[in-house]
């Protein structure tokens, strides 16, 4: 083998070994959750320093949105998220905006400048994004009142209508009943 090919193989082998022994914040995400799967539980800190868990929102439809301040499509869809949150927060709906790997002060300034009031959770080590198979931003996961994933939307810009349609669809789904014997 030539030296260049051997070096490339050694580098690839080292990357595989590193990836198998050290799950860093930059690792690829887990498998993307499919509709019908239970949403993975997590706890993150919000911008006020409070711990928030997904399970504390059981009984509500949750829009779990993964974003970053540098992501233009993320910031473009946030006004629709805010408007829907304002309209439906007293009716069993919540937005949880999960920021990936950014500095608290930068995120706090962004949220303040854009006047967002939904909870912003800090995924400082990218663990929750990895848990939800996030690769690229934005990603939105709709979770029903029972904690089950109902939709996984990657890269598409959310509009108020799209969010409201998704909530209505989730609320209209009847649970599957076991057959009577």
Foldseek 3Di string as FASTA:
>chain_A
DDPVVVVVVVVVVVVVVCVVPDVFLPDFADDADDFFAFQDWDWFAWLVRDIDIPVVLQQAKEKEKEDEPVDVLVVVQVVLVQVLCVVCVVPRYAYEYEYEQDDSVVVVVVCVVVVRDGTYGYPNGNVSVRHNRNDDDIWIWIAHNRRGTHDIDHPDRDHNVNVVVSRVVRVPDDDDDDDDD
